[in-house]
Amino acid sequence: GSLRLSCALSGRTFNNYFMGWFRQAPGKEREFVAVITWGGITTYYADS
């Protein structure tokens, strides 16, 4: 199946921030998932 997560930033100018996602499974370390830079042109993903 599919899901879409959202994250809203408040308090500062959104354009000035690069944004990412991490995740943590029970009993495991927090791990990188994805990141997007300021203009949205560059993205990186975990291999998984």
ModelCIF file with pLDDT and N, C-alpha, C, O atoms, coordinates in Angstrom:
data_MODEL
#
_entry.id   MODEL 
#
_entity.id                         1 
_entity.type                       polymer 
_entity.pdbx_number_of_molecules   1 
#
_entity_poly.entity_id                      1 
_entity_poly.type                           'polypeptide(L)' 
_entity_poly.nstd_linkage                   no 
_entity_poly.nstd_monomer                   no 
_entity_poly.pdbx_seq_one_letter_code       GSLRLSCALSGRTFNNYFMGWFRQAPGKEREFVAVITWGGITTYYADS 
_entity_poly.pdbx_seq_one_letter_code_can   GSLRLSCALSGRTFNNYFMGWFRQAPGKEREFVAVITWGGITTYYADS 
_entity_poly.pdbx_strand_id                 A 
#
loop_
_entity_poly_seq.entity_id 
_entity_poly_seq.num 
_entity_poly_seq.mon_id 
_entity_poly_seq.hetero 
1 1  GLY n 
1 2  SER n 
1 3  LEU n 
1 4  ARG n 
1 5  LEU n 
1 6  SER n 
1 7  CYS n 
1 8  ALA n 
1 9  LEU n 
1 10 SER n 
1 11 GLY n 
1 12 ARG n 
1 13 THR n 
1 14 PHE n 
1 15 ASN n 
1 16 ASN n 
1 17 TYR n 
1 18 PHE n 
1 19 MET n 
1 20 GLY n 
1 21 TRP n 
1 22 PHE n 
1 23 ARG n 
1 24 GLN n 
1 25 ALA n 
1 26 PRO n 
1 27 GLY n 
1 28 LYS n 
1 29 GLU n 
1 30 ARG n 
1 31 GLU n 
1 32 PHE n 
1 33 VAL n 
1 34 ALA n 
1 35 VAL n 
1 36 ILE n 
1 37 THR n 
1 38 TRP n 
1 39 GLY n 
1 40 GLY n 
1 41 ILE n 
1 42 THR n 
1 43 THR n 
1 44 TYR n 
1 45 TYR n 
1 46 ALA n 
1 47 ASP n 
1 48 SER n 
#
_struct_asym.id          A 
_struct_asym.entity_id   1 
#
loop_
_ma_qa_metric.id 
_ma_qa_metric.mode 
_ma_qa_metric.name 
_ma_qa_metric.software_group_id 
_ma_qa_metric.type 
1 global pLDDT . pLDDT 
2 local  pLDDT . pLDDT 
#
_ma_qa_metric_global.metric_id      1 
_ma_qa_metric_global.metric_value   93.08 
_ma_qa_metric_global.model_id       1 
_ma_qa_metric_global.ordinal_id     1 
#
loop_
_ma_qa_metric_local.label_asym_id 
_ma_qa_metric_local.label_comp_id 
_ma_qa_metric_local.label_seq_id 
_ma_qa_metric_local.metric_id 
_ma_qa_metric_local.metric_value 
_ma_qa_metric_local.model_id 
_ma_qa_metric_local.ordinal_id 
A GLY 1  2 98.00 1 1  
A SER 2  2 98.00 1 2  
A LEU 3  2 98.00 1 3  
A ARG 4  2 98.00 1 4  
A LEU 5  2 98.00 1 5  
A SER 6  2 98.00 1 6  
A CYS 7  2 97.00 1 7  
A ALA 8  2 95.00 1 8  
A LEU 9  2 93.00 1 9  
A SER 10 2 87.00 1 10 
A GLY 11 2 84.00 1 11 
A ARG 12 2 83.00 1 12 
A THR 13 2 85.00 1 13 
A PHE 14 2 83.00 1 14 
A ASN 15 2 84.00 1 15 
A ASN 16 2 85.00 1 16 
A TYR 17 2 89.00 1 17 
A PHE 18 2 92.00 1 18 
A MET 19 2 94.00 1 19 
A GLY 20 2 96.00 1 20 
A TRP 21 2 98.00 1 21 
A PHE 22 2 98.00 1 22 
A ARG 23 2 98.00 1 23 
A GLN 24 2 98.00 1 24 
A ALA 25 2 97.00 1 25 
A PRO 26 2 92.00 1 26 
A GLY 27 2 94.00 1 27 
A LYS 28 2 96.00 1 28 
A GLU 29 2 96.00 1 29 
A ARG 30 2 97.00 1 30 
A GLU 31 2 97.00 1 31 
A PHE 32 2 97.00 1 32 
A VAL 33 2 98.00 1 33 
A ALA 34 2 97.00 1 34 
A VAL 35 2 96.00 1 35 
A ILE 36 2 95.00 1 36 
A THR 37 2 91.00 1 37 
A TRP 38 2 85.00 1 38 
A GLY 39 2 80.00 1 39 
A GLY 40 2 80.00 1 40 
A ILE 41 2 83.00 1 41 
A THR 42 2 92.00 1 42 
A THR 43 2 95.00 1 43 
A TYR 44 2 95.00 1 44 
A TYR 45 2 97.00 1 45 
A ALA 46 2 97.00 1 46 
A ASP 47 2 97.00 1 47 
A SER 48 2 97.00 1 48 
#
loop_
_atom_site.group_PDB 
_atom_site.id 
_atom_site.type_symbol 
_atom_site.label_atom_id 
_atom_site.label_alt_id 
_atom_site.label_comp_id 
_atom_site.label_asym_id 
_atom_site.label_entity_id 
_atom_site.label_seq_id 
_atom_site.pdbx_PDB_ins_code 
_atom_site.Cartn_x 
_atom_site.Cartn_y 
_atom_site.Cartn_z 
_atom_site.occupancy 
_atom_site.B_iso_or_equiv 
_atom_site.pdbx_formal_charge 
_atom_site.auth_seq_id 
_atom_site.auth_comp_id 
_atom_site.auth_asym_id 
_atom_site.auth_atom_id 
_atom_site.pdbx_PDB_model_num 
ATOM 1   N N  . GLY A 1 1  ? 0.804  -1.218 0.000  1.00 98.00 ? 1  GLY A N  1 
ATOM 2   C CA . GLY A 1 1  ? 0.000  0.000  0.000  1.00 98.00 ? 1  GLY A CA 1 
ATOM 3   C C  . GLY A 1 1  ? 0.837  1.268  0.000  1.00 98.00 ? 1  GLY A C  1 
ATOM 4   O O  . GLY A 1 1  ? 2.065  1.224  -0.076 1.00 98.00 ? 1  GLY A O  1 
ATOM 5   N N  . SER A 1 2  ? 0.145  2.401  0.087  1.00 98.00 ? 2  SER A N  1 
ATOM 6   C CA . SER A 1 2  ? 0.799  3.708  0.024  1.00 98.00 ? 2  SER A CA 1 
ATOM 7   C C  . SER A 1 2  ? 0.318  4.600  1.154  1.00 98.00 ? 2  SER A C  1 
ATOM 8   O O  . SER A 1 2  ? -0.797 4.459  1.655  1.00 98.00 ? 2  SER A O  1 
ATOM 9   N N  . LEU A 1 3  ? 1.183  5.516  1.538  1.00 98.00 ? 3  LEU A N  1 
ATOM 10  C CA . LEU A 1 3  ? 0.851  6.585  2.479  1.00 98.00 ? 3  LEU A CA 1 
ATOM 11  C C  . LEU A 1 3  ? 1.605  7.829  2.051  1.00 98.00 ? 3  LEU A C  1 
ATOM 12  O O  . LEU A 1 3  ? 2.657  7.744  1.418  1.00 98.00 ? 3  LEU A O  1 
ATOM 13  N N  . ARG A 1 4  ? 1.063  8.979  2.398  1.00 98.00 ? 4  ARG A N  1 
ATOM 14  C CA . ARG A 1 4  ? 1.782  10.229 2.193  1.00 98.00 ? 4  ARG A CA 1 
ATOM 15  C C  . ARG A 1 4  ? 1.898  10.954 3.529  1.00 98.00 ? 4  ARG A C  1 
ATOM 16  O O  . ARG A 1 4  ? 0.897  11.288 4.162  1.00 98.00 ? 4  ARG A O  1 
ATOM 17  N N  . LEU A 1 5  ? 3.124  11.186 3.938  1.00 98.00 ? 5  LEU A N  1 
ATOM 18  C CA . LEU A 1 5  ? 3.380  11.964 5.145  1.00 98.00 ? 5  LEU A CA 1 
ATOM 19  C C  . LEU A 1 5  ? 3.561  13.430 4.772  1.00 98.00 ? 5  LEU A C  1 
ATOM 20  O O  . LEU A 1 5  ? 4.080  13.756 3.704  1.00 98.00 ? 5  LEU A O  1 
ATOM 21  N N  . SER A 1 6  ? 3.125  14.300 5.669  1.00 98.00 ? 6  SER A N  1 
ATOM 22  C CA . SER A 1 6  ? 3.313  15.733 5.495  1.00 98.00 ? 6  SER A CA 1 
ATOM 23  C C  . SER A 1 6  ? 4.027  16.298 6.707  1.00 98.00 ? 6  SER A C  1 
ATOM 24  O O  . SER A 1 6  ? 3.918  15.773 7.816  1.00 98.00 ? 6  SER A O  1 
ATOM 25  N N  . CYS A 1 7  ? 4.761  17.381 6.476  1.00 97.00 ? 7  CYS A N  1 
ATOM 26  C CA . CYS A 1 7  ? 5.429  18.071 7.572  1.00 97.00 ? 7  CYS A CA 1 
ATOM 27  C C  . CYS A 1 7  ? 5.333  19.563 7.311  1.00 97.00 ? 7  CYS A C  1 
ATOM 28  O O  . CYS A 1 7  ? 5.838  20.067 6.308  1.00 97.00 ? 7  CYS A O  1 
ATOM 29  N N  . ALA A 1 8  ? 4.682  20.256 8.221  1.00 95.00 ? 8  ALA A N  1 
ATOM 30  C CA . ALA A 1 8  ? 4.527  21.701 8.099  1.00 95.00 ? 8  ALA A CA 1 
ATOM 31  C C  . ALA A 1 8  ? 5.530  22.402 9.006  1.00 95.00 ? 8  ALA A C  1 
ATOM 32  O O  . ALA A 1 8  ? 5.662  22.072 10.184 1.00 95.00 ? 8  ALA A O  1 
ATOM 33  N N  . LEU A 1 9  ? 6.229  23.371 8.438  1.00 93.00 ? 9  LEU A N  1 
ATOM 34  C CA . LEU A 1 9  ? 7.189  24.178 9.208  1.00 93.00 ? 9  LEU A CA 1 
ATOM 35  C C  . LEU A 1 9  ? 6.581  25.532 9.493  1.00 93.00 ? 9  LEU A C  1 
ATOM 36  O O  . LEU A 1 9  ? 6.024  26.169 8.599  1.00 93.00 ? 9  LEU A O  1 
ATOM 37  N N  . SER A 1 10 ? 6.683  25.971 10.726 1.00 87.00 ? 10 SER A N  1 
ATOM 38  C CA . SER A 1 10 ? 6.201  27.303 11.103 1.00 87.00 ? 10 SER A CA 1 
ATOM 39  C C  . SER A 1 10 ? 7.260  28.009 11.929 1.00 87.00 ? 10 SER A C  1 
ATOM 40  O O  . SER A 1 10 ? 8.142  27.379 12.513 1.00 87.00 ? 10 SER A O  1 
ATOM 41  N N  . GLY A 1 11 ? 7.155  29.324 11.965 1.00 84.00 ? 11 GLY A N  1 
ATOM 42  C CA . GLY A 1 11 ? 8.052  30.105 12.796 1.00 84.00 ? 11 GLY A CA 1 
ATOM 43  C C  . GLY A 1 11 ? 9.202  30.755 12.061 1.00 84.00 ? 11 GLY A C  1 
ATOM 44  O O  . GLY A 1 11 ? 9.805  31.700 12.567 1.00 84.00 ? 11 GLY A O  1 
ATOM 45  N N  . ARG A 1 12 ? 9.513  30.269 10.886 1.00 83.00 ? 12 ARG A N  1 
ATOM 46  C CA . ARG A 1 12 ? 10.597 30.839 10.095 1.00 83.00 ? 12 ARG A CA 1 
ATOM 47  C C  . ARG A 1 12 ? 10.254 30.696 8.610  1.00 83.00 ? 12 ARG A C  1 
ATOM 48  O O  . ARG A 1 12 ? 9.247  30.086 8.248  1.00 83.00 ? 12 ARG A O  1 
ATOM 49  N N  . THR A 1 13 ? 11.107 31.267 7.762  1.00 85.00 ? 13 THR A N  1 
ATOM 50  C CA . THR A 1 13 ? 10.881 31.196 6.314  1.00 85.00 ? 13 THR A CA 1 
ATOM 51  C C  . THR A 1 13 ? 11.248 29.819 5.797  1.00 85.00 ? 13 THR A C  1 
ATOM 52  O O  . THR A 1 13 ? 12.409 29.412 5.857  1.00 85.00 ? 13 THR A O  1 
ATOM 53  N N  . PHE A 1 14 ? 10.263 29.107 5.291  1.00 83.00 ? 14 PHE A N  1 
ATOM 54  C CA . PHE A 1 14 ? 10.432 27.722 4.874  1.00 83.00 ? 14 PHE A CA 1 
ATOM 55  C C  . PHE A 1 14 ? 11.512 27.573 3.815  1.00 83.00 ? 14 PHE A C  1 
ATOM 56  O O  . PHE A 1 14 ? 12.280 26.611 3.837  1.00 83.00 ? 14 PHE A O  1 
ATOM 57  N N  . ASN A 1 15 ? 11.575 28.525 2.887  1.00 84.00 ? 15 ASN A N  1 
ATOM 58  C CA . ASN A 1 15 ? 12.517 28.426 1.771  1.00 84.00 ? 15 ASN A CA 1 
ATOM 59  C C  . ASN A 1 15 ? 13.972 28.350 2.228  1.00 84.00 ? 15 ASN A C  1 
ATOM 60  O O  . ASN A 1 15 ? 14.833 27.889 1.479  1.00 84.00 ? 15 ASN A O  1 
ATOM 61  N N  . ASN A 1 16 ? 14.247 28.795 3.440  1.00 85.00 ? 16 ASN A N  1 
ATOM 62  C CA . ASN A 1 16 ? 15.624 28.839 3.928  1.00 85.00 ? 16 ASN A CA 1 
ATOM 63  C C  . ASN A 1 16 ? 16.117 27.515 4.492  1.00 85.00 ? 16 ASN A C  1 
ATOM 64  O O  . ASN A 1 16 ? 17.272 27.397 4.902  1.00 85.00 ? 16 ASN A O  1 
ATOM 65  N N  . TYR A 1 17 ? 15.225 26.508 4.510  1.00 89.00 ? 17 TYR A N  1 
ATOM 66  C CA . TYR A 1 17 ? 15.553 25.251 5.178  1.00 89.00 ? 17 TYR A CA 1 
ATOM 67  C C  . TYR A 1 17 ? 15.587 24.104 4.183  1.00 89.00 ? 17 TYR A C  1 
ATOM 68  O O  . TYR A 1 17 ? 14.734 23.996 3.302  1.00 89.00 ? 17 TYR A O  1 
ATOM 69  N N  . PHE A 1 18 ? 16.601 23.243 4.342  1.00 92.00 ? 18 PHE A N  1 
ATOM 70  C CA . PHE A 1 18 ? 16.509 21.957 3.671  1.00 92.00 ? 18 PHE A CA 1 
ATOM 71  C C  . PHE A 1 18 ? 15.819 20.998 4.633  1.00 92.00 ? 18 PHE A C  1 
ATOM 72  O O  . PHE A 1 18 ? 15.993 21.085 5.849  1.00 92.00 ? 18 PHE A O  1 
ATOM 73  N N  . MET A 1 19 ? 15.045 20.097 4.078  1.00 94.00 ? 19 MET A N  1 
ATOM 74  C CA . MET A 1 19 ? 14.115 19.288 4.849  1.00 94.00 ? 19 MET A CA 1 
ATOM 75  C C  . MET A 1 19 ? 14.402 17.815 4.654  1.00 94.00 ? 19 MET A C  1 
ATOM 76  O O  . MET A 1 19 ? 14.741 17.374 3.556  1.00 94.00 ? 19 MET A O  1 
ATOM 77  N N  . GLY A 1 20 ? 14.265 17.064 5.718  1.00 96.00 ? 20 GLY A N  1 
ATOM 78  C CA . GLY A 1 20 ? 14.538 15.635 5.616  1.00 96.00 ? 20 GLY A CA 1 
ATOM 79  C C  . GLY A 1 20 ? 13.537 14.796 6.390  1.00 96.00 ? 20 GLY A C  1 
ATOM 80  O O  . GLY A 1 20 ? 12.676 15.301 7.110  1.00 96.00 ? 20 GLY A O  1 
ATOM 81  N N  . TRP A 1 21 ? 13.691 13.491 6.207  1.00 98.00 ? 21 TRP A N  1 
ATOM 82  C CA . TRP A 1 21 ? 12.929 12.503 6.960  1.00 98.00 ? 21 TRP A CA 1 
ATOM 83  C C  . TRP A 1 21 ? 13.892 11.445 7.493  1.00 98.00 ? 21 TRP A C  1 
ATOM 84  O O  . TRP A 1 21 ? 14.777 10.966 6.784  1.00 98.00 ? 21 TRP A O  1 
ATOM 85  N N  . PHE A 1 22 ? 13.697 11.105 8.735  1.00 98.00 ? 22 PHE A N  1 
ATOM 86  C CA . PHE A 1 22 ? 14.366 9.966  9.351  1.00 98.00 ? 22 PHE A CA 1 
ATOM 87  C C  . PHE A 1 22 ? 13.276 9.045  9.894  1.00 98.00 ? 22 PHE A C  1 
ATOM 88  O O  . PHE A 1 22 ? 12.113 9.434  9.999  1.00 98.00 ? 22 PHE A O  1 
ATOM 89  N N  . ARG A 1 23 ? 13.668 7.831  10.233 1.00 98.00 ? 23 ARG A N  1 
ATOM 90  C CA . ARG A 1 23 ? 12.714 6.913  10.851 1.00 98.00 ? 23 ARG A CA 1 
ATOM 91  C C  . ARG A 1 23 ? 13.421 6.059  11.902 1.00 98.00 ? 23 ARG A C  1 
ATOM 92  O O  . ARG A 1 23 ? 14.631 5.836  11.855 1.00 98.00 ? 23 ARG A O  1 
ATOM 93  N N  . GLN A 1 24 ? 12.616 5.597  12.843 1.00 98.00 ? 24 GLN A N  1 
ATOM 94  C CA . GLN A 1 24 ? 13.152 4.744  13.893 1.00 98.00 ? 24 GLN A CA 1 
ATOM 95  C C  . GLN A 1 24 ? 12.177 3.614  14.160 1.00 98.00 ? 24 GLN A C  1 
ATOM 96  O O  . GLN A 1 24 ? 11.042 3.835  14.584 1.00 98.00 ? 24 GLN A O  1 
ATOM 97  N N  . ALA A 1 25 ? 12.639 2.404  13.905 1.00 97.00 ? 25 ALA A N  1 
ATOM 98  C CA . ALA A 1 25 ? 11.846 1.210  14.179 1.00 97.00 ? 25 ALA A CA 1 
ATOM 99  C C  . ALA A 1 25 ? 12.074 0.779  15.627 1.00 97.00 ? 25 ALA A C  1 
ATOM 100 O O  . ALA A 1 25 ? 13.106 1.107  16.214 1.00 97.00 ? 25 ALA A O  1 
ATOM 101 N N  . PRO A 1 26 ? 11.135 0.059  16.200 1.00 92.00 ? 26 PRO A N  1 
ATOM 102 C CA . PRO A 1 26 ? 11.292 -0.398 17.590 1.00 92.00 ? 26 PRO A CA 1 
ATOM 103 C C  . PRO A 1 26 ? 12.584 -1.181 17.780 1.00 92.00 ? 26 PRO A C  1 
ATOM 104 O O  . PRO A 1 26 ? 12.856 -2.133 17.048 1.00 92.00 ? 26 PRO A O  1 
ATOM 105 N N  . GLY A 1 27 ? 13.372 -0.777 18.758 1.00 94.00 ? 27 GLY A N  1 
ATOM 106 C CA . GLY A 1 27 ? 14.601 -1.476 19.072 1.00 94.00 ? 27 GLY A CA 1 
ATOM 107 C C  . GLY A 1 27 ? 15.759 -1.190 18.142 1.00 94.00 ? 27 GLY A C  1 
ATOM 108 O O  . GLY A 1 27 ? 16.808 -1.829 18.233 1.00 94.00 ? 27 GLY A O  1 
ATOM 109 N N  . LYS A 1 28 ? 15.577 -0.240 17.252 1.00 96.00 ? 28 LYS A N  1 
ATOM 110 C CA . LYS A 1 28 ? 16.640 0.061  16.278 1.00 96.00 ? 28 LYS A CA 1 
ATOM 111 C C  . LYS A 1 28 ? 17.053 1.526  16.375 1.00 96.00 ? 28 LYS A C  1 
ATOM 112 O O  . LYS A 1 28 ? 16.371 2.349  16.985 1.00 96.00 ? 28 LYS A O  1 
ATOM 113 N N  . GLU A 1 29 ? 18.194 1.822  15.752 1.00 96.00 ? 29 GLU A N  1 
ATOM 114 C CA . GLU A 1 29 ? 18.678 3.193  15.704 1.00 96.00 ? 29 GLU A CA 1 
ATOM 115 C C  . GLU A 1 29 ? 17.846 4.007  14.706 1.00 96.00 ? 29 GLU A C  1 
ATOM 116 O O  . GLU A 1 29 ? 17.259 3.463  13.770 1.00 96.00 ? 29 GLU A O  1 
ATOM 117 N N  . ARG A 1 30 ? 17.812 5.307  14.931 1.00 97.00 ? 30 ARG A N  1 
ATOM 118 C CA . ARG A 1 30 ? 17.156 6.184  13.965 1.00 97.00 ? 30 ARG A CA 1 
ATOM 119 C C  . ARG A 1 30 ? 18.002 6.215  12.705 1.00 97.00 ? 30 ARG A C  1 
ATOM 120 O O  . ARG A 1 30 ? 19.229 6.281  12.775 1.00 97.00 ? 30 ARG A O  1 
ATOM 121 N N  . GLU A 1 31 ? 17.338 6.166  11.539 1.00 97.00 ? 31 GLU A N  1 
ATOM 122 C CA . GLU A 1 31 ? 18.065 6.127  10.281 1.00 97.00 ? 31 GLU A CA 1 
ATOM 123 C C  . GLU A 1 31 ? 17.527 7.139  9.286  1.00 97.00 ? 31 GLU A C  1 
ATOM 124 O O  . GLU A 1 31 ? 16.357 7.520  9.315  1.00 97.00 ? 31 GLU A O  1 
ATOM 125 N N  . PHE A 1 32 ? 18.407 7.552  8.419  1.00 97.00 ? 32 PHE A N  1 
ATOM 126 C CA . PHE A 1 32 ? 18.072 8.501  7.359  1.00 97.00 ? 32 PHE A CA 1 
ATOM 127 C C  . PHE A 1 32 ? 17.135 7.855  6.354  1.00 97.00 ? 32 PHE A C  1 
ATOM 128 O O  . PHE A 1 32 ? 17.271 6.675  6.031  1.00 97.00 ? 32 PHE A O  1 
ATOM 129 N N  . VAL A 1 33 ? 16.174 8.644  5.858  1.00 98.00 ? 33 VAL A N  1 
ATOM 130 C CA . VAL A 1 33 ? 15.261 8.175  4.821  1.00 98.00 ? 33 VAL A CA 1 
ATOM 131 C C  . VAL A 1 33 ? 15.441 8.990  3.542  1.00 98.00 ? 33 VAL A C  1 
ATOM 132 O O  . VAL A 1 33 ? 15.705 8.430  2.478  1.00 98.00 ? 33 VAL A O  1 
ATOM 133 N N  . ALA A 1 34 ? 15.298 10.318 3.646  1.00 97.00 ? 34 ALA A N  1 
ATOM 134 C CA . ALA A 1 34 ? 15.372 11.159 2.458  1.00 97.00 ? 34 ALA A CA 1 
ATOM 135 C C  . ALA A 1 34 ? 15.600 12.606 2.870  1.00 97.00 ? 34 ALA A C  1 
ATOM 136 O O  . ALA A 1 34 ? 15.338 12.995 4.009  1.00 97.00 ? 34 ALA A O  1 
ATOM 137 N N  . VAL A 1 35 ? 16.097 13.399 1.912  1.00 96.00 ? 35 VAL A N  1 
ATOM 138 C CA . VAL A 1 35 ? 16.290 14.828 2.133  1.00 96.00 ? 35 VAL A CA 1 
ATOM 139 C C  . VAL A 1 35 ? 16.033 15.564 0.834  1.00 96.00 ? 35 VAL A C  1 
ATOM 140 O O  . VAL A 1 35 ? 16.252 15.028 -0.252 1.00 96.00 ? 35 VAL A O  1 
ATOM 141 N N  . ILE A 1 36 ? 15.562 16.803 0.955  1.00 95.00 ? 36 ILE A N  1 
ATOM 142 C CA . ILE A 1 36 ? 15.352 17.659 -0.202 1.00 95.00 ? 36 ILE A CA 1 
ATOM 143 C C  . ILE A 1 36 ? 15.923 19.025 0.115  1.00 95.00 ? 36 ILE A C  1 
ATOM 144 O O  . ILE A 1 36 ? 15.686 19.560 1.198  1.00 95.00 ? 36 ILE A O  1 
ATOM 145 N N  . THR A 1 37 ? 16.680 19.602 -0.824 1.00 91.00 ? 37 THR A N  1 
ATOM 146 C CA . THR A 1 37 ? 17.319 20.881 -0.567 1.00 91.00 ? 37 THR A CA 1 
ATOM 147 C C  . THR A 1 37 ? 16.356 22.038 -0.815 1.00 91.00 ? 37 THR A C  1 
ATOM 148 O O  . THR A 1 37 ? 15.185 21.829 -1.129 1.00 91.00 ? 37 THR A O  1 
ATOM 149 N N  . TRP A 1 38 ? 16.857 23.239 -0.672 1.00 85.00 ? 38 TRP A N  1 
ATOM 150 C CA . TRP A 1 38 ? 16.003 24.410 -0.571 1.00 85.00 ? 38 TRP A CA 1 
ATOM 151 C C  . TRP A 1 38 ? 15.042 24.575 -1.753 1.00 85.00 ? 38 TRP A C  1 
ATOM 152 O O  . TRP A 1 38 ? 13.839 24.755 -1.564 1.00 85.00 ? 38 TRP A O  1 
ATOM 153 N N  . GLY A 1 39 ? 15.575 24.513 -2.946 1.00 80.00 ? 39 GLY A N  1 
ATOM 154 C CA . GLY A 1 39 ? 14.736 24.726 -4.118 1.00 80.00 ? 39 GLY A CA 1 
ATOM 155 C C  . GLY A 1 39 ? 14.007 23.484 -4.586 1.00 80.00 ? 39 GLY A C  1 
ATOM 156 O O  . GLY A 1 39 ? 13.189 23.539 -5.504 1.00 80.00 ? 39 GLY A O  1 
ATOM 157 N N  . GLY A 1 40 ? 14.310 22.357 -3.946 1.00 80.00 ? 40 GLY A N  1 
ATOM 158 C CA . GLY A 1 40 ? 13.653 21.112 -4.329 1.00 80.00 ? 40 GLY A CA 1 
ATOM 159 C C  . GLY A 1 40 ? 14.303 20.408 -5.498 1.00 80.00 ? 40 GLY A C  1 
ATOM 160 O O  . GLY A 1 40 ? 13.791 19.396 -5.977 1.00 80.00 ? 40 GLY A O  1 
ATOM 161 N N  . ILE A 1 41 ? 15.431 20.931 -5.966 1.00 83.00 ? 41 ILE A N  1 
ATOM 162 C CA . ILE A 1 41 ? 16.072 20.335 -7.144 1.00 83.00 ? 41 ILE A CA 1 
ATOM 163 C C  . ILE A 1 41 ? 16.848 19.083 -6.787 1.00 83.00 ? 41 ILE A C  1 
ATOM 164 O O  . ILE A 1 41 ? 16.890 18.126 -7.560 1.00 83.00 ? 41 ILE A O  1 
ATOM 165 N N  . THR A 1 42 ? 17.462 19.094 -5.613 1.00 92.00 ? 42 THR A N  1 
ATOM 166 C CA . THR A 1 42 ? 18.320 17.985 -5.213 1.00 92.00 ? 42 THR A CA 1 
ATOM 167 C C  . THR A 1 42 ? 17.650 17.169 -4.124 1.00 92.00 ? 42 THR A C  1 
ATOM 168 O O  . THR A 1 42 ? 17.149 17.701 -3.134 1.00 92.00 ? 42 THR A O  1 
ATOM 169 N N  . THR A 1 43 ? 17.657 15.856 -4.337 1.00 95.00 ? 43 THR A N  1 
ATOM 170 C CA . THR A 1 43 ? 17.118 14.930 -3.334 1.00 95.00 ? 43 THR A CA 1 
ATOM 171 C C  . THR A 1 43 ? 18.083 13.759 -3.171 1.00 95.00 ? 43 THR A C  1 
ATOM 172 O O  . THR A 1 43 ? 18.810 13.390 -4.094 1.00 95.00 ? 43 THR A O  1 
ATOM 173 N N  . TYR A 1 44 ? 18.067 13.195 -1.982 1.00 95.00 ? 44 TYR A N  1 
ATOM 174 C CA . TYR A 1 44 ? 18.838 11.984 -1.700 1.00 95.00 ? 44 TYR A CA 1 
ATOM 175 C C  . TYR A 1 44 ? 17.944 11.025 -0.940 1.00 95.00 ? 44 TYR A C  1 
ATOM 176 O O  . TYR A 1 44 ? 17.069 11.426 -0.172 1.00 95.00 ? 44 TYR A O  1 
ATOM 177 N N  . TYR A 1 45 ? 18.192 9.740  -1.178 1.00 97.00 ? 45 TYR A N  1 
ATOM 178 C CA . TYR A 1 45 ? 17.382 8.712  -0.536 1.00 97.00 ? 45 TYR A CA 1 
ATOM 179 C C  . TYR A 1 45 ? 18.272 7.614  0.044  1.00 97.00 ? 45 TYR A C  1 
ATOM 180 O O  . TYR A 1 45 ? 19.363 7.344  -0.459 1.00 97.00 ? 45 TYR A O  1 
ATOM 181 N N  . ALA A 1 46 ? 17.785 6.998  1.097  1.00 97.00 ? 46 ALA A N  1 
ATOM 182 C CA . ALA A 1 46 ? 18.417 5.774  1.576  1.00 97.00 ? 46 ALA A CA 1 
ATOM 183 C C  . ALA A 1 46 ? 18.192 4.680  0.535  1.00 97.00 ? 46 ALA A C  1 
ATOM 184 O O  . ALA A 1 46 ? 17.162 4.655  -0.139 1.00 97.00 ? 46 ALA A O  1 
ATOM 185 N N  . ASP A 1 47 ? 19.142 3.798  0.414  1.00 97.00 ? 47 ASP A N  1 
ATOM 186 C CA . ASP A 1 47 ? 19.021 2.716  -0.574 1.00 97.00 ? 47 ASP A CA 1 
ATOM 187 C C  . ASP A 1 47 ? 17.763 1.876  -0.336 1.00 97.00 ? 47 ASP A C  1 
ATOM 188 O O  . ASP A 1 47 ? 17.157 1.373  -1.282 1.00 97.00 ? 47 ASP A O  1 
ATOM 189 N N  . SER A 1 48 ? 17.380 1.731  0.918  1.00 97.00 ? 48 SER A N  1 
ATOM 190 C CA . SER A 1 48 ? 16.246 0.872  1.264  1.00 97.00 ? 48 SER A CA 1 
ATOM 191 C C  . SER A 1 48 ? 14.903 1.410  0.773  1.00 97.00 ? 48 SER A C  1 
ATOM 192 O O  . SER A 1 48 ? 13.868 0.784  0.997  1.00 97.00 ? 48 SER A O  1 
#
